[in-house]
């Protein structure tokens, strides 16, 4: 059966704007797909959509984004047959890494291939936007700029080669809660997030400048309630990371390393209460679109 990777994403920079009339927030973010990935396997069946999840306790009904993606592409393209989805989870849940969106993106791309639907990047990303704000970027992948509520994406020059140590503490951070806290505390928490400087650093291919420009609007609010996140940032920098940042609304923190030995050493000294992953930047997304 064909299988498709669903790569996790990190936010190299995330600036959250005001709440919109539709309930979403305007954001502008530099995102990066990384080699930590779930695996999506698709098997044709006569009718319907079924989901099997390995490695995590997740719903297998229509509340799962992978199932939503399958139904959506079936409905939009008039696919008469069904599909069984086997989802092997490696990306931690509710960790700020967009694992569910990555799974949905892999299903969209995989069904496009499996049923030879001929959908292009624009069509797939439009379908993805109807499922979730991070799905279009998960399809684009590589290094990209996300705007609007996150669904407007465009490619950026690649992140220079590096090693990424992801550290996921055992705390739960609700994205809705984080947005609400940010709205309530905006007058008190206003970290500078200069996306333009980050984009320029990428265009220069300068990892040190990229590291210097990494910032996340959510960090001051979330770390106030979950100090372990700041502790992890400090530990990663002390271990040699050029920079460390929380991804999305957390709680995953990652460090950027130039040397593999330092990255492995950082993993060895982090607390055993933290789940760690070693990853590298990936230059494509679930849709494997050529960068223009």
C-alpha atoms as a PDB file:
ATOM      1  CA  UNK A   1       0.000   0.000   0.000  1.00  0.00           C
ATOM      2  CA  UNK A   2       1.352   3.488  -0.792  1.00  0.00           C
ATOM      3  CA  UNK A   3       2.555   5.569   2.144  1.00  0.00           C
ATOM      4  CA  UNK A   4       3.008   9.315   2.482  1.00  0.00           C
ATOM      5  CA  UNK A   5       4.979  11.281   5.098  1.00  0.00           C
ATOM      6  CA  UNK A   6       3.257  13.950   7.183  1.00  0.00           C
ATOM      7  CA  UNK A   7       6.009  16.278   8.362  1.00  0.00           C
ATOM      8  CA  UNK A   8       5.785  18.355  11.532  1.00  0.00           C
ATOM      9  CA  UNK A   9       6.190  22.135  11.373  1.00  0.00           C
ATOM     10  CA  UNK A  10       8.029  24.642  13.507  1.00  0.00           C
ATOM     11  CA  UNK A  11       7.427  28.377  13.726  1.00  0.00           C
ATOM     12  CA  UNK A  12      10.694  30.262  13.195  1.00  0.00           C
ATOM     13  CA  UNK A  13       8.765  33.469  13.794  1.00  0.00           C
ATOM     14  CA  UNK A  14       5.138  34.015  14.764  1.00  0.00           C
ATOM     15  CA  UNK A  15       3.453  37.401  15.066  1.00  0.00           C
ATOM     16  CA  UNK A  16      -0.180  37.360  16.206  1.00  0.00           C
ATOM     17  CA  UNK A  17      -2.358  40.302  15.261  1.00  0.00           C
ATOM     18  CA  UNK A  18      -5.818  41.377  16.317  1.00  0.00           C
ATOM     19  CA  UNK A  19      -8.864  39.153  16.491  1.00  0.00           C
ATOM     20  CA  UNK A  20     -10.964  39.266  13.328  1.00  0.00           C
ATOM     21  CA  UNK A  21     -14.766  39.468  13.014  1.00  0.00           C
ATOM     22  CA  UNK A  22     -14.812  35.775  12.002  1.00  0.00           C
ATOM     23  CA  UNK A  23     -13.226  34.807  15.335  1.00  0.00           C
ATOM     24  CA  UNK A  24      -9.786  34.032  13.921  1.00  0.00           C
ATOM     25  CA  UNK A  25      -6.665  36.143  14.459  1.00  0.00           C
ATOM     26  CA  UNK A  26      -4.527  37.638  11.733  1.00  0.00           C
ATOM     27  CA  UNK A  27      -1.075  36.119  11.911  1.00  0.00           C
ATOM     28  CA  UNK A  28       2.149  36.341   9.998  1.00  0.00           C
ATOM     29  CA  UNK A  29       4.565  33.491  10.497  1.00  0.00           C
ATOM     30  CA  UNK A  30       7.705  31.958   9.061  1.00  0.00           C
ATOM     31  CA  UNK A  31       7.170  28.187   9.165  1.00  0.00           C
ATOM     32  CA  UNK A  32       9.478  25.239   8.577  1.00  0.00           C
ATOM     33  CA  UNK A  33       8.773  21.565   7.963  1.00  0.00           C
ATOM     34  CA  UNK A  34      11.099  19.162   9.777  1.00  0.00           C
ATOM     35  CA  UNK A  35      11.998  15.501   9.495  1.00  0.00           C
ATOM     36  CA  UNK A  36       9.860  14.388  12.439  1.00  0.00           C
ATOM     37  CA  UNK A  37       6.862  12.873  10.654  1.00  0.00           C
ATOM     38  CA  UNK A  38       3.777  10.706  10.898  1.00  0.00           C
ATOM     39  CA  UNK A  39       3.176   8.047   8.234  1.00  0.00           C
ATOM     40  CA  UNK A  40      -0.070   7.869   6.268  1.00  0.00           C
ATOM     41  CA  UNK A  41      -0.875   4.665   4.370  1.00  0.00           C
ATOM     42  CA  UNK A  42      -3.872   4.559   2.034  1.00  0.00           C
ATOM     43  CA  UNK A  43      -5.688   1.432   0.853  1.00  0.00           C
ATOM     44  CA  UNK A  44      -8.584   1.666  -1.612  1.00  0.00           C
ATOM     45  CA  UNK A  45     -11.871   0.149  -0.501  1.00  0.00           C
ATOM     46  CA  UNK A  46     -15.261  -0.162  -2.127  1.00  0.00           C
ATOM     47  CA  UNK A  47     -16.918   2.701  -0.252  1.00  0.00           C
ATOM     48  CA  UNK A  48     -16.634   4.905   2.813  1.00  0.00           C
ATOM     49  CA  UNK A  49     -13.682   6.157   4.841  1.00  0.00           C
ATOM     50  CA  UNK A  50     -12.107   4.240   7.721  1.00  0.00           C
ATOM     51  CA  UNK A  51      -9.190   5.218   9.939  1.00  0.00           C
ATOM     52  CA  UNK A  52      -6.772   3.124  11.981  1.00  0.00           C
ATOM     53  CA  UNK A  53      -4.387   4.963  14.320  1.00  0.00           C
ATOM     54  CA  UNK A  54      -1.154   3.411  15.594  1.00  0.00           C
ATOM     55  CA  UNK A  55       0.910   5.041  18.322  1.00  0.00           C
ATOM     56  CA  UNK A  56      -1.644   7.447  19.788  1.00  0.00           C
ATOM     57  CA  UNK A  57      -5.118   7.482  21.285  1.00  0.00           C
ATOM     58  CA  UNK A  58      -7.019   9.526  18.735  1.00  0.00           C
ATOM     59  CA  UNK A  59     -10.623   9.530  17.523  1.00  0.00           C
ATOM     60  CA  UNK A  60     -11.166   7.706  14.249  1.00  0.00           C
ATOM     61  CA  UNK A  61     -14.456   9.367  13.344  1.00  0.00           C
ATOM     62  CA  UNK A  62     -15.243  12.577  11.463  1.00  0.00           C
ATOM     63  CA  UNK A  63     -13.636  14.695  14.185  1.00  0.00           C
ATOM     64  CA  UNK A  64     -10.212  13.523  12.964  1.00  0.00           C
ATOM     65  CA  UNK A  65      -8.719  15.879  10.355  1.00  0.00           C
ATOM     66  CA  UNK A  66      -7.439  12.971   8.274  1.00  0.00           C
ATOM     67  CA  UNK A  67     -10.982  11.635   7.907  1.00  0.00           C
ATOM     68  CA  UNK A  68     -12.279  15.128   7.134  1.00  0.00           C
ATOM     69  CA  UNK A  69      -9.662  15.473   4.400  1.00  0.00           C
ATOM     70  CA  UNK A  70     -10.673  12.168   2.796  1.00  0.00           C
ATOM     71  CA  UNK A  71     -14.363  13.043   2.803  1.00  0.00           C
ATOM     72  CA  UNK A  72     -13.686  16.525   1.428  1.00  0.00           C
ATOM     73  CA  UNK A  73     -11.636  15.385  -1.563  1.00  0.00           C
ATOM     74  CA  UNK A  74     -14.147  12.608  -2.247  1.00  0.00           C
ATOM     75  CA  UNK A  75     -17.021  15.082  -2.274  1.00  0.00           C
ATOM     76  CA  UNK A  76     -15.249  17.800  -4.275  1.00  0.00           C
ATOM     77  CA  UNK A  77     -13.887  15.419  -6.906  1.00  0.00           C
ATOM     78  CA  UNK A  78     -16.751  12.955  -7.085  1.00  0.00           C
ATOM     79  CA  UNK A  79     -14.625   9.966  -6.094  1.00  0.00           C
ATOM     80  CA  UNK A  80     -17.045   7.011  -5.951  1.00  0.00           C
ATOM     81  CA  UNK A  81     -14.782   4.564  -4.092  1.00  0.00           C
ATOM     82  CA  UNK A  82     -13.583   4.673  -0.495  1.00  0.00           C
ATOM     83  CA  UNK A  83     -10.297   4.530   1.374  1.00  0.00           C
ATOM     84  CA  UNK A  84      -8.829   2.997   4.495  1.00  0.00           C
ATOM     85  CA  UNK A  85      -6.298   5.243   6.220  1.00  0.00           C
ATOM     86  CA  UNK A  86      -3.623   3.776   8.470  1.00  0.00           C
ATOM     87  CA  UNK A  87      -2.044   6.606  10.456  1.00  0.00           C
ATOM     88  CA  UNK A  88       1.152   5.875  12.380  1.00  0.00           C
ATOM     89  CA  UNK A  89       1.777   8.717  14.815  1.00  0.00           C
ATOM     90  CA  UNK A  90       5.235   9.992  15.695  1.00  0.00           C
ATOM     91  CA  UNK A  91       4.460  13.712  16.100  1.00  0.00           C
ATOM     92  CA  UNK A  92       3.316  14.393  19.684  1.00  0.00           C
ATOM     93  CA  UNK A  93      -0.272  15.531  20.137  1.00  0.00           C
ATOM     94  CA  UNK A  94      -1.264  19.132  20.925  1.00  0.00           C
ATOM     95  CA  UNK A  95       2.387  20.162  20.899  1.00  0.00           C
ATOM     96  CA  UNK A  96       2.472  23.206  18.601  1.00  0.00           C
ATOM     97  CA  UNK A  97       3.789  21.064  15.724  1.00  0.00           C
ATOM     98  CA  UNK A  98       0.619  20.879  13.568  1.00  0.00           C
ATOM     99  CA  UNK A  99       0.564  17.076  13.497  1.00  0.00           C
ATOM    100  CA  UNK A 100      -3.150  16.845  12.736  1.00  0.00           C
ATOM    101  CA  UNK A 101      -2.826  19.335   9.882  1.00  0.00           C
ATOM    102  CA  UNK A 102       0.145  17.425   8.494  1.00  0.00           C
ATOM    103  CA  UNK A 103      -1.904  14.213   8.521  1.00  0.00           C
ATOM    104  CA  UNK A 104      -4.754  15.917   6.658  1.00  0.00           C
ATOM    105  CA  UNK A 105      -2.325  17.303   4.079  1.00  0.00           C
ATOM    106  CA  UNK A 106      -0.813  13.862   3.492  1.00  0.00           C
ATOM    107  CA  UNK A 107      -4.290  12.378   2.979  1.00  0.00           C
ATOM    108  CA  UNK A 108      -5.214  15.087   0.455  1.00  0.00           C
ATOM    109  CA  UNK A 109      -2.015  14.583  -1.497  1.00  0.00           C
ATOM    110  CA  UNK A 110      -2.156  10.800  -1.220  1.00  0.00           C
ATOM    111  CA  UNK A 111      -5.717  10.541  -2.476  1.00  0.00           C
ATOM    112  CA  UNK A 112      -4.868  12.903  -5.323  1.00  0.00           C
ATOM    113  CA  UNK A 113      -2.104  10.482  -6.345  1.00  0.00           C
ATOM    114  CA  UNK A 114      -4.001   7.274  -5.640  1.00  0.00           C
ATOM    115  CA  UNK A 115      -7.085   8.269  -7.635  1.00  0.00           C
ATOM    116  CA  UNK A 116      -5.140  10.222 -10.270  1.00  0.00           C
ATOM    117  CA  UNK A 117      -7.304  13.272  -9.720  1.00  0.00           C
ATOM    118  CA  UNK A 118      -4.804  15.699 -11.277  1.00  0.00           C
ATOM    119  CA  UNK A 119      -5.265  18.449  -8.697  1.00  0.00           C
ATOM    120  CA  UNK A 120      -2.536  21.094  -8.660  1.00  0.00           C
ATOM    121  CA  UNK A 121      -0.985  22.911  -5.718  1.00  0.00           C
ATOM    122  CA  UNK A 122      -3.518  25.757  -5.717  1.00  0.00           C
ATOM    123  CA  UNK A 123      -6.494  23.399  -5.736  1.00  0.00           C
ATOM    124  CA  UNK A 124      -5.105  21.180  -2.993  1.00  0.00           C
ATOM    125  CA  UNK A 125      -4.229  24.141  -0.778  1.00  0.00           C
ATOM    126  CA  UNK A 126      -7.717  25.591  -1.243  1.00  0.00           C
ATOM    127  CA  UNK A 127      -9.151  22.279  -0.081  1.00  0.00           C
ATOM    128  CA  UNK A 128      -6.697  22.242   2.816  1.00  0.00           C
ATOM    129  CA  UNK A 129      -7.734  25.720   3.961  1.00  0.00           C
ATOM    130  CA  UNK A 130     -11.286  24.445   4.417  1.00  0.00           C
ATOM    131  CA  UNK A 131      -9.993  21.869   6.927  1.00  0.00           C
ATOM    132  CA  UNK A 132      -7.562  23.935   8.995  1.00  0.00           C
ATOM    133  CA  UNK A 133      -5.343  26.999   8.887  1.00  0.00           C
ATOM    134  CA  UNK A 134      -2.075  25.007   8.938  1.00  0.00           C
ATOM    135  CA  UNK A 135      -3.025  22.488   6.243  1.00  0.00           C
ATOM    136  CA  UNK A 136      -2.020  24.662   3.239  1.00  0.00           C
ATOM    137  CA  UNK A 137       1.468  25.134   4.664  1.00  0.00           C
ATOM    138  CA  UNK A 138       1.731  21.424   5.434  1.00  0.00           C
ATOM    139  CA  UNK A 139       1.110  20.831   1.727  1.00  0.00           C
ATOM    140  CA  UNK A 140       3.612  23.499   0.611  1.00  0.00           C
ATOM    141  CA  UNK A 141       6.289  22.610   3.153  1.00  0.00           C
ATOM    142  CA  UNK A 142       9.905  23.642   3.225  1.00  0.00           C
ATOM    143  CA  UNK A 143      10.323  27.182   4.504  1.00  0.00           C
ATOM    144  CA  UNK A 144       7.299  29.400   3.984  1.00  0.00           C
ATOM    145  CA  UNK A 145       5.467  32.552   4.957  1.00  0.00           C
ATOM    146  CA  UNK A 146       1.942  32.118   6.305  1.00  0.00           C
ATOM    147  CA  UNK A 147      -0.458  35.056   6.462  1.00  0.00           C
ATOM    148  CA  UNK A 148      -4.148  35.752   7.040  1.00  0.00           C
ATOM    149  CA  UNK A 149      -5.319  33.160   9.554  1.00  0.00           C
ATOM    150  CA  UNK A 150      -2.395  31.062   8.323  1.00  0.00           C
ATOM    151  CA  UNK A 151      -3.974  29.763   5.132  1.00  0.00           C
ATOM    152  CA  UNK A 152      -2.232  32.186   2.729  1.00  0.00           C
ATOM    153  CA  UNK A 153       1.198  30.664   2.173  1.00  0.00           C
ATOM    154  CA  UNK A 154       4.159  31.414  -0.050  1.00  0.00           C
ATOM    155  CA  UNK A 155       7.610  29.835  -0.305  1.00  0.00           C
ATOM    156  CA  UNK A 156      10.730  31.385   1.209  1.00  0.00           C
ATOM    157  CA  UNK A 157      14.446  30.645   0.753  1.00  0.00           C
ATOM    158  CA  UNK A 158      15.390  27.497   2.662  1.00  0.00           C
ATOM    159  CA  UNK A 159      16.584  27.446   6.234  1.00  0.00           C
ATOM    160  CA  UNK A 160      20.353  26.822   6.177  1.00  0.00           C
ATOM    161  CA  UNK A 161      21.345  23.302   7.133  1.00  0.00           C
ATOM    162  CA  UNK A 162      21.198  22.727  10.875  1.00  0.00           C
ATOM    163  CA  UNK A 163      20.113  20.270  13.550  1.00  0.00           C
ATOM    164  CA  UNK A 164      16.954  20.825  15.542  1.00  0.00           C
ATOM    165  CA  UNK A 165      16.401  19.459  19.027  1.00  0.00           C
ATOM    166  CA  UNK A 166      12.702  19.393  19.889  1.00  0.00           C
ATOM    167  CA  UNK A 167      11.775  19.158  23.566  1.00  0.00           C
ATOM    168  CA  UNK A 168       8.145  18.535  24.483  1.00  0.00           C
ATOM    169  CA  UNK A 169       7.320  18.898  28.193  1.00  0.00           C
ATOM    170  CA  UNK A 170       4.438  16.945  29.675  1.00  0.00           C
ATOM    171  CA  UNK A 171       2.065  19.881  29.973  1.00  0.00           C
ATOM    172  CA  UNK A 172      -1.063  20.666  27.961  1.00  0.00           C
ATOM    173  CA  UNK A 173      -1.460  24.073  26.341  1.00  0.00           C
ATOM    174  CA  UNK A 174      -4.772  24.790  24.632  1.00  0.00           C
ATOM    175  CA  UNK A 175      -4.415  26.934  21.524  1.00  0.00           C
ATOM    176  CA  UNK A 176      -7.771  28.622  22.224  1.00  0.00           C
ATOM    177  CA  UNK A 177      -6.632  29.394  25.779  1.00  0.00           C
ATOM    178  CA  UNK A 178      -3.339  30.835  24.512  1.00  0.00           C
ATOM    179  CA  UNK A 179      -5.109  33.155  22.070  1.00  0.00           C
ATOM    180  CA  UNK A 180      -7.498  34.310  24.801  1.00  0.00           C
ATOM    181  CA  UNK A 181      -4.638  34.945  27.228  1.00  0.00           C
ATOM    182  CA  UNK A 182      -2.782  36.868  24.568  1.00  0.00           C
ATOM    183  CA  UNK A 183      -5.841  39.027  23.878  1.00  0.00           C
ATOM    184  CA  UNK A 184      -6.349  39.715  27.575  1.00  0.00           C
ATOM    185  CA  UNK A 185      -2.697  40.494  28.218  1.00  0.00           C
ATOM    186  CA  UNK A 186      -1.767  42.264  25.000  1.00  0.00           C
ATOM    187  CA  UNK A 187      -1.208  45.554  26.829  1.00  0.00           C
ATOM    188  CA  UNK A 188       1.327  43.863  29.094  1.00  0.00           C
ATOM    189  CA  UNK A 189       2.961  41.423  26.689  1.00  0.00           C
ATOM    190  CA  UNK A 190       4.229  42.912  23.455  1.00  0.00           C
ATOM    191  CA  UNK A 191       7.391  41.087  22.391  1.00  0.00           C
ATOM    192  CA  UNK A 192       9.043  42.405  19.230  1.00  0.00           C
ATOM    193  CA  UNK A 193       8.541  39.992  16.348  1.00  0.00           C
ATOM    194  CA  UNK A 194      10.240  41.277  13.199  1.00  0.00           C
ATOM    195  CA  UNK A 195       9.171  38.931  10.426  1.00  0.00           C
ATOM    196  CA  UNK A 196      10.772  41.113   7.724  1.00  0.00           C
ATOM    197  CA  UNK A 197      14.203  40.760   9.327  1.00  0.00           C
ATOM    198  CA  UNK A 198      13.728  37.011   9.589  1.00  0.00           C
ATOM    199  CA  UNK A 199      12.797  36.779   5.902  1.00  0.00           C
ATOM    200  CA  UNK A 200      15.860  38.856   4.990  1.00  0.00           C
ATOM    201  CA  UNK A 201      18.103  36.566   7.047  1.00  0.00           C
ATOM    202  CA  UNK A 202      16.744  33.579   5.137  1.00  0.00           C
ATOM    203  CA  UNK A 203      17.375  35.311   1.813  1.00  0.00           C
ATOM    204  CA  UNK A 204      20.992  35.825   2.886  1.00  0.00           C
ATOM    205  CA  UNK A 205      21.312  32.189   3.961  1.00  0.00           C
ATOM    206  CA  UNK A 206      22.686  33.350   7.315  1.00  0.00           C
ATOM    207  CA  UNK A 207      21.784  30.924  10.104  1.00  0.00           C
ATOM    208  CA  UNK A 208      23.137  33.222  12.827  1.00  0.00           C
ATOM    209  CA  UNK A 209      20.887  36.052  11.644  1.00  0.00           C
ATOM    210  CA  UNK A 210      17.927  33.660  11.432  1.00  0.00           C
ATOM    211  CA  UNK A 211      18.571  32.562  15.010  1.00  0.00           C
ATOM    212  CA  UNK A 212      18.808  36.171  16.168  1.00  0.00           C
ATOM    213  CA  UNK A 213      15.438  36.972  14.580  1.00  0.00           C
ATOM    214  CA  UNK A 214      13.433  34.045  15.953  1.00  0.00           C
ATOM    215  CA  UNK A 215      10.501  35.217  18.104  1.00  0.00           C
ATOM    216  CA  UNK A 216       6.968  34.156  19.032  1.00  0.00           C
ATOM    217  CA  UNK A 217       4.111  36.377  20.247  1.00  0.00           C
ATOM    218  CA  UNK A 218       2.752  33.567  22.413  1.00  0.00           C
ATOM    219  CA  UNK A 219       5.908  32.995  24.446  1.00  0.00           C
ATOM    220  CA  UNK A 220       5.563  35.681  27.173  1.00  0.00           C
ATOM    221  CA  UNK A 221       1.980  34.682  27.929  1.00  0.00           C
ATOM    222  CA  UNK A 222       2.478  30.915  27.849  1.00  0.00           C
ATOM    223  CA  UNK A 223       5.741  30.912  29.816  1.00  0.00           C
ATOM    224  CA  UNK A 224       4.085  32.938  32.579  1.00  0.00           C
ATOM    225  CA  UNK A 225       1.797  29.972  33.236  1.00  0.00           C
ATOM    226  CA  UNK A 226       4.245  27.236  32.225  1.00  0.00           C
ATOM    227  CA  UNK A 227       7.757  28.228  33.385  1.00  0.00           C
ATOM    228  CA  UNK A 228       9.122  24.851  32.239  1.00  0.00           C
ATOM    229  CA  UNK A 229       9.097  26.267  28.705  1.00  0.00           C
ATOM    230  CA  UNK A 230      11.533  29.012  29.632  1.00  0.00           C
ATOM    231  CA  UNK A 231      13.626  26.493  31.557  1.00  0.00           C
ATOM    232  CA  UNK A 232      13.921  24.370  28.430  1.00  0.00           C
ATOM    233  CA  UNK A 233      14.912  27.370  26.315  1.00  0.00           C
ATOM    234  CA  UNK A 234      17.679  28.227  28.737  1.00  0.00           C
ATOM    235  CA  UNK A 235      18.871  24.616  28.879  1.00  0.00           C
ATOM    236  CA  UNK A 236      19.064  24.363  25.099  1.00  0.00           C
ATOM    237  CA  UNK A 237      21.027  27.605  24.762  1.00  0.00           C
ATOM    238  CA  UNK A 238      23.355  26.509  27.575  1.00  0.00           C
ATOM    239  CA  UNK A 239      23.936  23.286  25.621  1.00  0.00           C
ATOM    240  CA  UNK A 240      25.088  25.236  22.569  1.00  0.00           C
ATOM    241  CA  UNK A 241      21.938  26.115  20.639  1.00  0.00           C
ATOM    242  CA  UNK A 242      22.238  29.262  18.531  1.00  0.00           C
ATOM    243  CA  UNK A 243      18.683  30.064  19.611  1.00  0.00           C
ATOM    244  CA  UNK A 244      15.693  28.363  21.216  1.00  0.00           C
ATOM    245  CA  UNK A 245      12.023  29.108  20.692  1.00  0.00           C
ATOM    246  CA  UNK A 246       8.585  27.764  21.529  1.00  0.00           C
ATOM    247  CA  UNK A 247       6.709  26.525  18.457  1.00  0.00           C
ATOM    248  CA  UNK A 248       3.152  27.733  17.893  1.00  0.00           C
ATOM    249  CA  UNK A 249       1.203  28.033  21.128  1.00  0.00           C
ATOM    250  CA  UNK A 250       3.459  25.400  22.698  1.00  0.00           C
ATOM    251  CA  UNK A 251       4.457  23.565  24.634  1.00  0.00           C
ATOM    252  CA  UNK A 252       7.220  22.223  22.352  1.00  0.00           C
ATOM    253  CA  UNK A 253      10.492  24.150  22.523  1.00  0.00           C
ATOM    254  CA  UNK A 254      13.252  23.650  19.976  1.00  0.00           C
ATOM    255  CA  UNK A 255      16.903  24.589  19.746  1.00  0.00           C
ATOM    256  CA  UNK A 256      18.898  25.304  16.584  1.00  0.00           C
ATOM    257  CA  UNK A 257      22.329  23.666  16.475  1.00  0.00           C
ATOM    258  CA  UNK A 258      25.074  23.788  13.870  1.00  0.00           C
ATOM    259  CA  UNK A 259      26.871  20.681  15.151  1.00  0.00           C
ATOM    260  CA  UNK A 260      25.348  17.222  15.409  1.00  0.00           C
ATOM    261  CA  UNK A 261      27.483  16.341  18.423  1.00  0.00           C
ATOM    262  CA  UNK A 262      26.147  19.349  20.347  1.00  0.00           C
ATOM    263  CA  UNK A 263      22.569  18.480  19.409  1.00  0.00           C
ATOM    264  CA  UNK A 264      22.984  14.906  20.645  1.00  0.00           C
ATOM    265  CA  UNK A 265      24.638  16.146  23.822  1.00  0.00           C
ATOM    266  CA  UNK A 266      21.726  18.530  24.455  1.00  0.00           C
ATOM    267  CA  UNK A 267      19.290  15.621  24.221  1.00  0.00           C
ATOM    268  CA  UNK A 268      21.327  13.607  26.705  1.00  0.00           C
ATOM    269  CA  UNK A 269      21.288  16.336  29.369  1.00  0.00           C
ATOM    270  CA  UNK A 270      17.627  17.343  29.143  1.00  0.00           C
ATOM    271  CA  UNK A 271      15.289  16.160  31.879  1.00  0.00           C
ATOM    272  CA  UNK A 272      13.847  12.682  31.579  1.00  0.00           C
ATOM    273  CA  UNK A 273      10.409  14.280  32.036  1.00  0.00           C
ATOM    274  CA  UNK A 274      10.772  15.804  28.562  1.00  0.00           C
ATOM    275  CA  UNK A 275      10.166  13.971  25.282  1.00  0.00           C
ATOM    276  CA  UNK A 276      12.957  14.845  22.859  1.00  0.00           C
ATOM    277  CA  UNK A 277      13.419  14.481  19.114  1.00  0.00           C
ATOM    278  CA  UNK A 278      16.362  15.149  16.812  1.00  0.00           C
ATOM    279  CA  UNK A 279      15.329  16.551  13.450  1.00  0.00           C
ATOM    280  CA  UNK A 280      16.560  18.480  10.431  1.00  0.00           C
ATOM    281  CA  UNK A 281      14.833  20.911   8.065  1.00  0.00           C
ATOM    282  CA  UNK A 282      12.851  19.352   5.207  1.00  0.00           C
ATOM    283  CA  UNK A 283      12.638  21.264   1.942  1.00  0.00           C
ATOM    284  CA  UNK A 284       9.257  19.961   0.725  1.00  0.00           C
ATOM    285  CA  UNK A 285       5.780  19.399   2.119  1.00  0.00           C
ATOM    286  CA  UNK A 286       3.142  16.706   1.851  1.00  0.00           C
ATOM    287  CA  UNK A 287       2.301  17.966  -1.631  1.00  0.00           C
ATOM    288  CA  UNK A 288       5.925  17.767  -2.860  1.00  0.00           C
ATOM    289  CA  UNK A 289       5.387  20.932  -4.887  1.00  0.00           C
ATOM    290  CA  UNK A 290       8.446  22.312  -6.719  1.00  0.00           C
ATOM    291  CA  UNK A 291       9.549  25.632  -5.258  1.00  0.00           C
ATOM    292  CA  UNK A 292       9.327  28.528  -7.705  1.00  0.00           C
END
